[in-house]
PDB file of N, CA and C in Angstrom:
ATOM      1  N   MET A   1     127.794 250.598  51.551  1.00  0.00           N
ATOM      2  CA  MET A   1     128.783 250.945  52.551  1.00  0.00           C
ATOM      3  C   MET A   1     128.262 252.085  53.416  1.00  0.00           C
ATOM      4  N   ILE A   2     128.550 252.037  54.685  1.00  0.00           N
ATOM      5  CA  ILE A   2     128.095 253.040  55.630  1.00  0.00           C
ATOM      6  C   ILE A   2     128.969 254.285  55.502  1.00  0.00           C
ATOM      7  N   PRO A   3     128.347 255.466  55.439  1.00  0.00           N
ATOM      8  CA  PRO A   3     129.149 256.679  55.328  1.00  0.00           C
ATOM      9  C   PRO A   3     129.996 256.893  56.583  1.00  0.00           C
ATOM     10  N   GLU A   4     131.079 257.619  56.409  1.00  0.00           N
ATOM     11  CA  GLU A   4     131.982 257.924  57.521  1.00  0.00           C
ATOM     12  C   GLU A   4     131.203 258.630  58.628  1.00  0.00           C
ATOM     13  N   LEU A   5     131.347 258.156  59.841  1.00  0.00           N
ATOM     14  CA  LEU A   5     130.648 258.750  60.971  1.00  0.00           C
ATOM     15  C   LEU A   5     131.460 259.901  61.542  1.00  0.00           C
ATOM     16  N   LYS A   6     130.772 260.927  61.940  1.00  0.00           N
ATOM     17  CA  LYS A   6     131.422 262.074  62.566  1.00  0.00           C
ATOM     18  C   LYS A   6     131.097 262.048  64.061  1.00  0.00           C
ATOM     19  N   THR A   7     132.086 262.285  64.881  1.00  0.00           N
ATOM     20  CA  THR A   7     131.866 262.237  66.327  1.00  0.00           C
ATOM     21  C   THR A   7     130.935 263.336  66.815  1.00  0.00           C
ATOM     22  N   THR A   8     130.719 264.355  66.017  1.00  0.00           N
ATOM     23  CA  THR A   8     129.834 265.440  66.417  1.00  0.00           C
ATOM     24  C   THR A   8     128.409 265.243  65.900  1.00  0.00           C
ATOM     25  N   ASP A   9     128.142 264.121  65.257  1.00  0.00           N
ATOM     26  CA  ASP A   9     126.820 263.846  64.706  1.00  0.00           C
ATOM     27  C   ASP A   9     125.791 263.756  65.837  1.00  0.00           C
ATOM     28  N   ALA A  10     124.831 264.677  65.849  1.00  0.00           N
ATOM     29  CA  ALA A  10     123.841 264.751  66.919  1.00  0.00           C
ATOM     30  C   ALA A  10     122.902 263.545  66.928  1.00  0.00           C
ATOM     31  N   GLN A  11     122.828 262.805  65.834  1.00  0.00           N
ATOM     32  CA  GLN A  11     121.920 261.668  65.757  1.00  0.00           C
ATOM     33  C   GLN A  11     122.498 260.416  66.425  1.00  0.00           C
ATOM     34  N   ILE A  12     123.729 260.454  66.840  1.00  0.00           N
ATOM     35  CA  ILE A  12     124.359 259.292  67.453  1.00  0.00           C
ATOM     36  C   ILE A  12     124.243 259.397  68.967  1.00  0.00           C
ATOM     37  N   GLU A  13     123.515 258.450  69.539  1.00  0.00           N
ATOM     38  CA  GLU A  13     123.319 258.414  70.985  1.00  0.00           C
ATOM     39  C   GLU A  13     124.524 257.760  71.658  1.00  0.00           C
ATOM     40  N   THR A  14     125.017 258.383  72.715  1.00  0.00           N
ATOM     41  CA  THR A  14     126.083 257.789  73.513  1.00  0.00           C
ATOM     42  C   THR A  14     125.434 256.982  74.627  1.00  0.00           C
ATOM     43  N   VAL A  15     125.848 255.715  74.745  1.00  0.00           N
ATOM     44  CA  VAL A  15     125.283 254.841  75.776  1.00  0.00           C
ATOM     45  C   VAL A  15     126.391 254.363  76.710  1.00  0.00           C
ATOM     46  N   ASP A  16     126.015 254.005  77.910  1.00  0.00           N
ATOM     47  CA  ASP A  16     126.930 253.422  78.867  1.00  0.00           C
ATOM     48  C   ASP A  16     127.132 251.953  78.499  1.00  0.00           C
ATOM     49  N   LYS A  17     128.318 251.435  78.715  1.00  0.00           N
ATOM     50  CA  LYS A  17     128.601 250.039  78.337  1.00  0.00           C
ATOM     51  C   LYS A  17     127.663 249.061  79.041  1.00  0.00           C
ATOM     52  N   ASP A  18     127.173 249.417  80.224  1.00  0.00           N
ATOM     53  CA  ASP A  18     126.281 248.538  80.974  1.00  0.00           C
ATOM     54  C   ASP A  18     124.911 248.365  80.311  1.00  0.00           C
ATOM     55  N   VAL A  19     124.580 249.220  79.353  1.00  0.00           N
ATOM     56  CA  VAL A  19     123.311 249.133  78.628  1.00  0.00           C
ATOM     57  C   VAL A  19     123.392 248.097  77.499  1.00  0.00           C
ATOM     58  N   ILE A  20     124.579 247.822  77.012  1.00  0.00           N
ATOM     59  CA  ILE A  20     124.763 246.961  75.842  1.00  0.00           C
ATOM     60  C   ILE A  20     124.075 245.594  75.967  1.00  0.00           C
ATOM     61  N   PRO A  21     124.162 244.914  77.115  1.00  0.00           N
ATOM     62  CA  PRO A  21     123.476 243.606  77.199  1.00  0.00           C
ATOM     63  C   PRO A  21     121.965 243.667  77.017  1.00  0.00           C
ATOM     64  N   THR A  22     121.362 244.838  77.179  1.00  0.00           N
ATOM     65  CA  THR A  22     119.912 244.967  77.022  1.00  0.00           C
ATOM     66  C   THR A  22     119.506 245.283  75.584  1.00  0.00           C
ATOM     67  N   LEU A  23     120.472 245.557  74.716  1.00  0.00           N
ATOM     68  CA  LEU A  23     120.185 245.928  73.331  1.00  0.00           C
ATOM     69  C   LEU A  23     120.073 244.698  72.446  1.00  0.00           C
ATOM     70  N   ARG A  24     119.342 244.850  71.348  1.00  0.00           N
ATOM     71  CA  ARG A  24     119.194 243.770  70.372  1.00  0.00           C
ATOM     72  C   ARG A  24     119.987 244.133  69.117  1.00  0.00           C
ATOM     73  N   PHE A  25     120.628 243.107  68.532  1.00  0.00           N
ATOM     74  CA  PHE A  25     121.467 243.309  67.359  1.00  0.00           C
ATOM     75  C   PHE A  25     121.002 242.414  66.224  1.00  0.00           C
ATOM     76  N   SER A  26     121.132 242.920  64.999  1.00  0.00           N
ATOM     77  CA  SER A  26     120.774 242.161  63.811  1.00  0.00           C
ATOM     78  C   SER A  26     121.709 240.962  63.655  1.00  0.00           C
ATOM     79  N   GLN A  27     121.211 239.928  63.001  1.00  0.00           N
ATOM     80  CA  GLN A  27     122.051 238.775  62.685  1.00  0.00           C
ATOM     81  C   GLN A  27     122.924 239.058  61.455  1.00  0.00           C
ATOM     82  N   GLU A  28     122.589 240.119  60.720  1.00  0.00           N
ATOM     83  CA  GLU A  28     123.348 240.510  59.537  1.00  0.00           C
ATOM     84  C   GLU A  28     124.454 241.478  59.927  1.00  0.00           C
ATOM     85  N   ASP A  29     125.565 241.418  59.212  1.00  0.00           N
ATOM     86  CA  ASP A  29     126.674 242.335  59.458  1.00  0.00           C
ATOM     87  C   ASP A  29     126.297 243.730  58.967  1.00  0.00           C
ATOM     88  N   VAL A  30     126.629 244.753  59.757  1.00  0.00           N
ATOM     89  CA  VAL A  30     126.329 246.130  59.357  1.00  0.00           C
ATOM     90  C   VAL A  30     127.228 246.589  58.219  1.00  0.00           C
ATOM     91  N   LEU A  31     128.358 245.916  58.026  1.00  0.00           N
ATOM     92  CA  LEU A  31     129.271 246.234  56.921  1.00  0.00           C
ATOM     93  C   LEU A  31     129.111 245.201  55.813  1.00  0.00           C
ATOM     94  N   THR A  32     129.152 245.657  54.578  1.00  0.00           N
ATOM     95  CA  THR A  32     129.034 244.735  53.449  1.00  0.00           C
ATOM     96  C   THR A  32     130.309 244.693  52.608  1.00  0.00           C
ATOM     97  N   ASP A  33     131.127 245.721  52.710  1.00  0.00           N
ATOM     98  CA  ASP A  33     132.358 245.804  51.934  1.00  0.00           C
ATOM     99  C   ASP A  33     133.448 244.944  52.585  1.00  0.00           C
ATOM    100  N   PRO A  34     134.001 243.966  51.857  1.00  0.00           N
ATOM    101  CA  PRO A  34     135.038 243.101  52.437  1.00  0.00           C
ATOM    102  C   PRO A  34     136.247 243.872  52.983  1.00  0.00           C
ATOM    103  N   ALA A  35     136.629 244.955  52.327  1.00  0.00           N
ATOM    104  CA  ALA A  35     137.760 245.764  52.812  1.00  0.00           C
ATOM    105  C   ALA A  35     137.416 246.437  54.136  1.00  0.00           C
ATOM    106  N   ALA A  36     136.184 246.906  54.272  1.00  0.00           N
ATOM    107  CA  ALA A  36     135.746 247.544  55.520  1.00  0.00           C
ATOM    108  C   ALA A  36     135.689 246.522  56.649  1.00  0.00           C
ATOM    109  N   ILE A  37     135.263 245.309  56.344  1.00  0.00           N
ATOM    110  CA  ILE A  37     135.209 244.243  57.344  1.00  0.00           C
ATOM    111  C   ILE A  37     136.617 243.883  57.810  1.00  0.00           C
ATOM    112  N   LYS A  38     137.549 243.819  56.871  1.00  0.00           N
ATOM    113  CA  LYS A  38     138.942 243.532  57.213  1.00  0.00           C
ATOM    114  C   LYS A  38     139.533 244.655  58.068  1.00  0.00           C
ATOM    115  N   ARG A  39     139.233 245.903  57.711  1.00  0.00           N
ATOM    116  CA  ARG A  39     139.707 247.057  58.466  1.00  0.00           C
ATOM    117  C   ARG A  39     139.122 247.040  59.885  1.00  0.00           C
ATOM    118  N   ARG A  40     137.845 246.665  60.009  1.00  0.00           N
ATOM    119  CA  ARG A  40     137.210 246.592  61.331  1.00  0.00           C
ATOM    120  C   ARG A  40     137.924 245.560  62.207  1.00  0.00           C
ATOM    121  N   ARG A  41     138.275 244.402  61.622  1.00  0.00           N
ATOM    122  CA  ARG A  41     138.983 243.356  62.377  1.00  0.00           C
ATOM    123  C   ARG A  41     140.343 243.889  62.854  1.00  0.00           C
ATOM    124  N   HIS A  42     141.058 244.567  61.957  1.00  0.00           N
ATOM    125  CA  HIS A  42     142.355 245.151  62.314  1.00  0.00           C
ATOM    126  C   HIS A  42     142.189 246.176  63.435  1.00  0.00           C
ATOM    127  N   ASP A  43     141.190 247.051  63.310  1.00  0.00           N
ATOM    128  CA  ASP A  43     140.951 248.070  64.338  1.00  0.00           C
ATOM    129  C   ASP A  43     140.546 247.440  65.665  1.00  0.00           C
ATOM    130  N   ALA A  44     139.806 246.341  65.612  1.00  0.00           N
ATOM    131  CA  ALA A  44     139.400 245.642  66.834  1.00  0.00           C
ATOM    132  C   ALA A  44     140.628 245.082  67.554  1.00  0.00           C
ATOM    133  N   GLU A  45     141.540 244.509  66.788  1.00  0.00           N
ATOM    134  CA  GLU A  45     142.784 243.993  67.386  1.00  0.00           C
ATOM    135  C   GLU A  45     143.612 245.141  67.974  1.00  0.00           C
ATOM    136  N   ARG A  46     143.645 246.247  67.270  1.00  0.00           N
ATOM    137  CA  ARG A  46     144.362 247.431  67.757  1.00  0.00           C
ATOM    138  C   ARG A  46     143.728 247.954  69.050  1.00  0.00           C
ATOM    139  N   ALA A  47     142.408 247.951  69.107  1.00  0.00           N
ATOM    140  CA  ALA A  47     141.689 248.394  70.305  1.00  0.00           C
ATOM    141  C   ALA A  47     141.990 247.484  71.491  1.00  0.00           C
ATOM    142  N   THR A  48     142.130 246.184  71.225  1.00  0.00           N
ATOM    143  CA  THR A  48     142.465 245.228  72.285  1.00  0.00           C
ATOM    144  C   THR A  48     143.867 245.508  72.832  1.00  0.00           C
ATOM    145  N   THR A  49     144.802 245.779  71.941  1.00  0.00           N
ATOM    146  CA  THR A  49     146.161 246.108  72.375  1.00  0.00           C
ATOM    147  C   THR A  49     146.154 247.382  73.218  1.00  0.00           C
ATOM    148  N   LEU A  50     145.422 248.376  72.769  1.00  0.00           N
ATOM    149  CA  LEU A  50     145.308 249.631  73.509  1.00  0.00           C
ATOM    150  C   LEU A  50     144.729 249.383  74.902  1.00  0.00           C
ATOM    151  N   GLY A  51     143.697 248.546  74.971  1.00  0.00           N
ATOM    152  CA  GLY A  51     143.052 248.265  76.252  1.00  0.00           C
ATOM    153  C   GLY A  51     143.929 247.489  77.205  1.00  0.00           C
ATOM    154  N   ASN A  52     144.617 246.483  76.698  1.00  0.00           N
ATOM    155  CA  ASN A  52     145.425 245.629  77.564  1.00  0.00           C
ATOM    156  C   ASN A  52     146.757 246.259  77.949  1.00  0.00           C
ATOM    157  N   ALA A  53     147.421 246.880  77.009  1.00  0.00           N
ATOM    158  CA  ALA A  53     148.746 247.438  77.281  1.00  0.00           C
ATOM    159  C   ALA A  53     148.692 248.781  78.004  1.00  0.00           C
ATOM    160  N   TYR A  54     147.688 249.598  77.667  1.00  0.00           N
ATOM    161  CA  TYR A  54     147.653 250.962  78.188  1.00  0.00           C
ATOM    162  C   TYR A  54     146.383 251.302  78.957  1.00  0.00           C
ATOM    163  N   HIS A  55     145.446 250.336  79.041  1.00  0.00           N
ATOM    164  CA  HIS A  55     144.145 250.570  79.682  1.00  0.00           C
ATOM    165  C   HIS A  55     143.447 251.770  79.041  1.00  0.00           C
ATOM    166  N   GLY A  56     143.702 251.936  77.733  1.00  0.00           N
ATOM    167  CA  GLY A  56     143.145 253.068  77.001  1.00  0.00           C
ATOM    168  C   GLY A  56     141.715 252.830  76.553  1.00  0.00           C
ATOM    169  N   LYS A  57     140.951 253.902  76.562  1.00  0.00           N
ATOM    170  CA  LYS A  57     139.563 253.849  76.106  1.00  0.00           C
ATOM    171  C   LYS A  57     139.467 254.426  74.702  1.00  0.00           C
ATOM    172  N   LEU A  58     138.373 254.085  74.028  1.00  0.00           N
ATOM    173  CA  LEU A  58     138.094 254.606  72.704  1.00  0.00           C
ATOM    174  C   LEU A  58     136.597 254.600  72.489  1.00  0.00           C
ATOM    175  N   ASP A  59     136.146 255.273  71.439  1.00  0.00           N
ATOM    176  CA  ASP A  59     134.738 255.235  71.064  1.00  0.00           C
ATOM    177  C   ASP A  59     134.525 254.092  70.089  1.00  0.00           C
ATOM    178  N   ILE A  60     133.469 253.339  70.313  1.00  0.00           N
ATOM    179  CA  ILE A  60     133.048 252.300  69.378  1.00  0.00           C
ATOM    180  C   ILE A  60     131.668 252.705  68.882  1.00  0.00           C
ATOM    181  N   TYR A  61     131.527 252.785  67.569  1.00  0.00           N
ATOM    182  CA  TYR A  61     130.242 253.088  66.957  1.00  0.00           C
ATOM    183  C   TYR A  61     129.634 251.769  66.503  1.00  0.00           C
ATOM    184  N   PHE A  62     128.367 251.558  66.859  1.00  0.00           N
ATOM    185  CA  PHE A  62     127.716 250.301  66.498  1.00  0.00           C
ATOM    186  C   PHE A  62     126.240 250.546  66.193  1.00  0.00           C
ATOM    187  N   GLN A  63     125.632 249.559  65.523  1.00  0.00           N
ATOM    188  CA  GLN A  63     124.215 249.669  65.175  1.00  0.00           C
ATOM    189  C   GLN A  63     123.416 248.591  65.884  1.00  0.00           C
ATOM    190  N   THR A  64     122.229 248.987  66.335  1.00  0.00           N
ATOM    191  CA  THR A  64     121.312 248.044  66.949  1.00  0.00           C
ATOM    192  C   THR A  64     120.398 247.464  65.874  1.00  0.00           C
ATOM    193  N   GLU A  65     119.577 246.511  66.276  1.00  0.00           N
ATOM    194  CA  GLU A  65     118.703 245.814  65.333  1.00  0.00           C
ATOM    195  C   GLU A  65     117.775 246.765  64.579  1.00  0.00           C
ATOM    196  N   ASP A  66     117.358 247.853  65.227  1.00  0.00           N
ATOM    197  CA  ASP A  66     116.457 248.807  64.573  1.00  0.00           C
ATOM    198  C   ASP A  66     117.181 249.781  63.635  1.00  0.00           C
ATOM    199  N   GLY A  67     118.514 249.620  63.507  1.00  0.00           N
ATOM    200  CA  GLY A  67     119.276 250.450  62.580  1.00  0.00           C
ATOM    201  C   GLY A  67     119.821 251.733  63.172  1.00  0.00           C
ATOM    202  N   SER A  68     119.552 251.989  64.456  1.00  0.00           N
ATOM    203  CA  SER A  68     120.077 253.222  65.048  1.00  0.00           C
ATOM    204  C   SER A  68     121.551 253.038  65.416  1.00  0.00           C
ATOM    205  N   THR A  69     122.323 254.091  65.191  1.00  0.00           N
ATOM    206  CA  THR A  69     123.746 254.066  65.496  1.00  0.00           C
ATOM    207  C   THR A  69     123.965 254.629  66.888  1.00  0.00           C
ATOM    208  N   LYS A  70     124.788 253.932  67.657  1.00  0.00           N
ATOM    209  CA  LYS A  70     125.106 254.344  69.018  1.00  0.00           C
ATOM    210  C   LYS A  70     126.618 254.369  69.198  1.00  0.00           C
ATOM    211  N   ARG A  71     127.041 255.058  70.253  1.00  0.00           N
ATOM    212  CA  ARG A  71     128.465 255.169  70.563  1.00  0.00           C
ATOM    213  C   ARG A  71     128.653 254.768  72.021  1.00  0.00           C
ATOM    214  N   VAL A  72     129.742 254.038  72.287  1.00  0.00           N
ATOM    215  CA  VAL A  72     130.119 253.709  73.658  1.00  0.00           C
ATOM    216  C   VAL A  72     131.597 254.038  73.826  1.00  0.00           C
ATOM    217  N   TYR A  73     131.934 254.670  74.943  1.00  0.00           N
ATOM    218  CA  TYR A  73     133.319 255.020  75.257  1.00  0.00           C
ATOM    219  C   TYR A  73     133.782 254.029  76.311  1.00  0.00           C
ATOM    220  N   THR A  74     134.686 253.121  75.937  1.00  0.00           N
ATOM    221  CA  THR A  74     135.056 252.037  76.839  1.00  0.00           C
ATOM    222  C   THR A  74     136.417 251.457  76.486  1.00  0.00           C
ATOM    223  N   THR A  75     136.815 250.457  77.247  1.00  0.00           N
ATOM    224  CA  THR A  75     138.052 249.717  77.022  1.00  0.00           C
ATOM    225  C   THR A  75     137.707 248.367  76.413  1.00  0.00           C
ATOM    226  N   VAL A  76     138.450 247.953  75.400  1.00  0.00           N
ATOM    227  CA  VAL A  76     138.274 246.627  74.796  1.00  0.00           C
ATOM    228  C   VAL A  76     139.317 245.698  75.400  1.00  0.00           C
ATOM    229  N   TRP A  77     138.862 244.605  76.024  1.00  0.00           N
ATOM    230  CA  TRP A  77     139.785 243.654  76.649  1.00  0.00           C
ATOM    231  C   TRP A  77     140.169 242.515  75.724  1.00  0.00           C
ATOM    232  N   ALA A  78     139.248 242.132  74.804  1.00  0.00           N
ATOM    233  CA  ALA A  78     139.555 241.003  73.921  1.00  0.00           C
ATOM    234  C   ALA A  78     138.744 241.098  72.634  1.00  0.00           C
ATOM    235  N   THR A  79     139.344 240.600  71.554  1.00  0.00           N
ATOM    236  CA  THR A  79     138.654 240.470  70.277  1.00  0.00           C
ATOM    237  C   THR A  79     138.550 238.989  69.971  1.00  0.00           C
ATOM    238  N   HIS A  80     137.333 238.527  69.795  1.00  0.00           N
ATOM    239  CA  HIS A  80     137.071 237.124  69.477  1.00  0.00           C
ATOM    240  C   HIS A  80     136.611 237.032  68.027  1.00  0.00           C
ATOM    241  N   GLU A  81     136.357 235.859  67.570  1.00  0.00           N
ATOM    242  CA  GLU A  81     135.925 235.665  66.185  1.00  0.00           C
ATOM    243  C   GLU A  81     134.656 236.467  65.867  1.00  0.00           C
ATOM    244  N   GLU A  82     133.686 236.444  66.790  1.00  0.00           N
ATOM    245  CA  GLU A  82     132.393 237.064  66.494  1.00  0.00           C
ATOM    246  C   GLU A  82     131.990 238.206  67.420  1.00  0.00           C
ATOM    247  N   TYR A  83     132.790 238.491  68.439  1.00  0.00           N
ATOM    248  CA  TYR A  83     132.407 239.560  69.354  1.00  0.00           C
ATOM    249  C   TYR A  83     133.628 240.178  70.042  1.00  0.00           C
ATOM    250  N   LEU A  84     133.370 241.326  70.673  1.00  0.00           N
ATOM    251  CA  LEU A  84     134.379 242.014  71.475  1.00  0.00           C
ATOM    252  C   LEU A  84     134.017 241.825  72.938  1.00  0.00           C
ATOM    253  N   THR A  85     135.021 241.679  73.785  1.00  0.00           N
ATOM    254  CA  THR A  85     134.794 241.699  75.225  1.00  0.00           C
ATOM    255  C   THR A  85     135.257 243.058  75.725  1.00  0.00           C
ATOM    256  N   LEU A  86     134.321 243.782  76.331  1.00  0.00           N
ATOM    257  CA  LEU A  86     134.596 245.105  76.853  1.00  0.00           C
ATOM    258  C   LEU A  86     134.873 245.019  78.344  1.00  0.00           C
ATOM    259  N   LYS A  87     135.251 246.137  78.920  1.00  0.00           N
ATOM    260  CA  LYS A  87     135.467 246.207  80.356  1.00  0.00           C
ATOM    261  C   LYS A  87     134.224 245.674  81.075  1.00  0.00           C
ATOM    262  N   SER A  88     134.393 245.037  82.194  1.00  0.00           N
ATOM    263  CA  SER A  88     133.325 244.431  82.999  1.00  0.00           C
ATOM    264  C   SER A  88     132.755 243.169  82.353  1.00  0.00           C
ATOM    265  N   GLY A  89     133.453 242.604  81.347  1.00  0.00           N
ATOM    266  CA  GLY A  89     133.018 241.347  80.740  1.00  0.00           C
ATOM    267  C   GLY A  89     131.826 241.464  79.810  1.00  0.00           C
ATOM    268  N   ILE A  90     131.495 242.652  79.389  1.00  0.00           N
ATOM    269  CA  ILE A  90     130.353 242.866  78.494  1.00  0.00           C
ATOM    270  C   ILE A  90     130.753 242.526  77.065  1.00  0.00           C
ATOM    271  N   SER A  91     129.865 241.832  76.351  1.00  0.00           N
ATOM    272  CA  SER A  91     130.121 241.430  74.966  1.00  0.00           C
ATOM    273  C   SER A  91     129.361 242.320  73.992  1.00  0.00           C
ATOM    274  N   LEU A  92     130.017 242.622  72.882  1.00  0.00           N
ATOM    275  CA  LEU A  92     129.408 243.385  71.794  1.00  0.00           C
ATOM    276  C   LEU A  92     129.684 242.627  70.507  1.00  0.00           C
ATOM    277  N   PRO A  93     128.631 242.246  69.769  1.00  0.00           N
ATOM    278  CA  PRO A  93     128.865 241.508  68.527  1.00  0.00           C
ATOM    279  C   PRO A  93     129.697 242.331  67.541  1.00  0.00           C
ATOM    280  N   LEU A  94     130.724 241.721  66.992  1.00  0.00           N
ATOM    281  CA  LEU A  94     131.588 242.417  66.038  1.00  0.00           C
ATOM    282  C   LEU A  94     130.801 242.812  64.789  1.00  0.00           C
ATOM    283  N   ARG A  95     129.811 242.011  64.409  1.00  0.00           N
ATOM    284  CA  ARG A  95     129.001 242.298  63.218  1.00  0.00           C
ATOM    285  C   ARG A  95     128.197 243.589  63.364  1.00  0.00           C
ATOM    286  N   ALA A  96     128.029 244.077  64.606  1.00  0.00           N
ATOM    287  CA  ALA A  96     127.278 245.309  64.858  1.00  0.00           C
ATOM    288  C   ALA A  96     128.166 246.547  64.839  1.00  0.00           C
ATOM    289  N   VAL A  97     129.480 246.349  64.888  1.00  0.00           N
ATOM    290  CA  VAL A  97     130.405 247.486  64.981  1.00  0.00           C
ATOM    291  C   VAL A  97     130.594 248.130  63.610  1.00  0.00           C
ATOM    292  N   VAL A  98     130.368 249.429  63.564  1.00  0.00           N
ATOM    293  CA  VAL A  98     130.535 250.211  62.347  1.00  0.00           C
ATOM    294  C   VAL A  98     131.974 250.718  62.249  1.00  0.00           C
ATOM    295  N   SER A  99     132.488 251.263  63.364  1.00  0.00           N
ATOM    296  CA  SER A  99     133.835 251.807  63.355  1.00  0.00           C
ATOM    297  C   SER A  99     134.333 252.058  64.771  1.00  0.00           C
ATOM    298  N   PHE A 100     135.631 252.359  64.845  1.00  0.00           N
ATOM    299  CA  PHE A 100     136.293 252.709  66.094  1.00  0.00           C
ATOM    300  C   PHE A 100     136.867 254.110  65.945  1.00  0.00           C
ATOM    301  N   ASP A 101     136.902 254.859  67.029  1.00  0.00           N
ATOM    302  CA  ASP A 101     137.503 256.184  67.018  1.00  0.00           C
ATOM    303  C   ASP A 101     138.612 256.194  68.062  1.00  0.00           C
ATOM    304  N   PHE A 102     139.854 256.150  67.591  1.00  0.00           N
ATOM    305  CA  PHE A 102     141.028 256.145  68.465  1.00  0.00           C
ATOM    306  C   PHE A 102     141.445 257.583  68.739  1.00  0.00           C
ATOM    307  N   TYR A 103     141.939 257.843  69.937  1.00  0.00           N
ATOM    308  CA  TYR A 103     142.386 259.195  70.296  1.00  0.00           C
ATOM    309  C   TYR A 103     143.877 259.262  70.386  1.00  0.00           C
TER     310      TYR A 103
END
């Protein structure tokens, strides 16, 4: 299981959502705990509600194929079976998402 991420962690790079399509993601899920995977799905649905109803942004922490953790501050427009649709139609694989930070 991935340790709890801290928003002040200097090792986490913040990226612009427009960079996401250029990144590579593992085919394996970054989460292995079934409860954590279920919680991620719930948080993804919550993020979609926040984005659609209130146009609210949040931080999404995710891992790239090389194992580095990144953060993006954006709006989630939709949660699909295998990916999230972010503002501007950008897709982020759900299997790459470590956690969400709601404000």
